[in-house]
Protein backbone atom coordinates (compact mmCIF):
# COMPACT_ATOMS: atom_id res chain seq x y z
CA MET A 1 -86.93 -129.27 -200.98
CA THR A 2 -83.13 -129.31 -200.99
CA GLN A 3 -83.07 -126.37 -203.39
CA LEU A 4 -85.22 -124.40 -200.96
CA HIS A 5 -82.81 -125.13 -198.11
CA ASP A 6 -79.84 -124.14 -200.30
CA LEU A 7 -81.55 -120.91 -201.26
CA ARG A 8 -82.42 -120.11 -197.64
CA LEU A 9 -78.83 -120.78 -196.57
CA ARG A 10 -77.44 -118.56 -199.33
CA LEU A 11 -79.85 -115.80 -198.35
CA LEU A 12 -78.84 -116.08 -194.69
CA VAL A 13 -75.15 -115.95 -195.59
CA GLN A 14 -75.72 -112.95 -197.85
CA GLN A 15 -77.74 -111.13 -195.17
CA GLU A 16 -75.11 -111.86 -192.53
CA SER A 17 -72.25 -110.67 -194.74
CA GLU A 18 -74.16 -107.47 -195.56
CA GLN A 19 -74.85 -106.90 -191.87
CA ILE A 20 -71.16 -107.37 -191.04
CA ALA A 21 -70.10 -105.04 -193.86
CA ASN A 22 -72.67 -102.40 -192.84
CA SER A 23 -71.80 -102.54 -189.17
CA HIS A 24 -68.07 -102.11 -189.90
CA PRO A 25 -67.87 -100.17 -193.18
CA THR A 26 -64.28 -98.96 -192.76
CA ASP A 27 -62.71 -101.18 -190.13
CA LEU A 28 -63.78 -104.79 -190.38
CA ASP A 29 -63.04 -106.66 -187.16
CA LEU A 30 -62.13 -110.22 -188.09
CA SER A 31 -62.80 -111.43 -184.56
CA VAL A 32 -66.44 -110.34 -184.98
CA VAL A 33 -66.65 -112.26 -188.25
CA GLN A 34 -65.14 -115.32 -186.57
CA ALA A 35 -67.57 -115.10 -183.64
CA ARG A 36 -70.57 -114.77 -185.94
CA CYS A 37 -69.40 -117.73 -188.02
CA LEU A 38 -69.08 -119.83 -184.89
CA CYS A 39 -72.59 -118.90 -183.77
CA TRP A 40 -74.10 -119.85 -187.12
CA LEU A 41 -72.10 -123.07 -187.32
CA ALA A 42 -73.14 -124.09 -183.80
CA LEU A 43 -76.80 -123.51 -184.68
CA LEU A 44 -76.41 -125.49 -187.88
CA ALA A 45 -74.74 -128.41 -186.08
CA GLU A 46 -77.49 -128.42 -183.47
CA ALA A 47 -80.17 -128.46 -186.16
CA HIS A 48 -78.48 -131.43 -187.85
CA GLU A 49 -78.28 -133.28 -184.54
CA ASP A 50 -81.99 -132.64 -183.98
CA GLN A 51 -82.76 -133.99 -187.45
CA ALA A 52 -80.65 -137.07 -186.69
CA SER A 53 -82.60 -137.67 -183.47
CA ASP A 54 -85.92 -137.27 -185.26
CA ALA A 55 -84.88 -139.72 -187.98
CA GLU A 56 -83.70 -142.20 -185.37
CA LYS A 57 -87.06 -141.98 -183.56
CA ARG A 58 -88.82 -142.70 -186.86
CA GLY A 59 -86.60 -145.74 -187.33
CA ASP A 60 -84.84 -144.32 -190.38
CA THR A 61 -81.30 -145.34 -189.44
CA GLU A 62 -79.75 -144.42 -192.79
CA GLN A 63 -81.17 -140.88 -192.65
CA ALA A 64 -80.14 -140.52 -189.00
CA MET A 65 -76.59 -141.55 -189.84
CA GLY A 66 -76.47 -139.03 -192.67
CA TRP A 67 -77.63 -136.16 -190.46
CA PHE A 68 -75.24 -137.22 -187.71
CA ALA A 69 -72.30 -137.42 -190.13
CA ASP A 70 -73.11 -133.92 -191.38
CA SER A 71 -73.23 -132.61 -187.81
CA MET A 72 -69.80 -134.14 -187.16
CA ARG A 73 -68.42 -132.43 -190.29
CA ILE A 74 -69.83 -129.14 -189.05
CA ARG A 75 -68.21 -129.73 -185.64
CA ASP A 76 -64.91 -130.28 -187.47
CA VAL A 77 -65.38 -126.95 -189.26
CA ILE A 78 -66.14 -125.30 -185.91
CA ASN A 79 -62.82 -126.62 -184.60
CA VAL A 80 -61.00 -125.24 -187.64
CA VAL A 81 -62.65 -121.82 -187.37
CA THR A 82 -61.94 -121.75 -183.64
CA SER A 83 -58.27 -122.48 -184.26
CA ILE A 84 -57.81 -119.54 -186.64
CA GLU A 85 -55.75 -116.91 -184.90
CA ILE A 86 -56.98 -113.44 -185.72
CA PRO A 87 -54.03 -111.04 -186.08
CA LEU A 88 -54.00 -108.08 -183.76
CA PRO A 89 -54.51 -104.69 -185.40
CA GLU A 90 -51.35 -102.81 -186.29
CA SER A 91 -49.85 -100.90 -183.41
CA ALA A 92 -50.45 -97.16 -183.31
CA ASP A 93 -47.22 -96.71 -181.34
CA PRO A 94 -44.57 -95.22 -183.71
CA GLU A 95 -41.68 -96.49 -181.51
CA GLN A 96 -42.78 -100.09 -181.95
CA GLU A 97 -43.02 -99.61 -185.70
CA GLU A 98 -39.46 -98.19 -185.80
CA ASP A 99 -38.14 -101.15 -183.81
CA SER A 100 -39.76 -103.64 -186.16
CA THR A 101 -38.34 -101.94 -189.27
CA SER A 102 -34.88 -101.03 -187.98
CA GLY A 103 -33.24 -104.21 -189.24
CA ASP A 104 -32.01 -105.26 -185.79
CA SER A 105 -33.83 -108.53 -186.17
CA PRO A 106 -31.70 -111.66 -185.91
CA LEU A 107 -33.37 -112.85 -189.10
CA ALA A 108 -32.08 -109.84 -191.04
CA ALA A 109 -28.60 -111.02 -192.01
């Protein structure tokens, strides 16, 4: 059964990456990728929490603890993904580009 879940997850990841690539063939927006990752991770964490609740209702404490621990790991990943700062696209303003390459920076010594 675990192999089936792994296969389904791989298929979902592959489909999502293809959809992202197809929707942005030339200009991939990393903020869109981040948002989609967060949506999938939130759904996955919720599913694990539901499994933990079901196992607890059945009296299977060990299984419930496992599902709950996994959901906490996923929440940690959500926090990491949320903290990633997506760089802004390069400025199209030529004056700003000249200022940044002129060497007037205090770091350029």
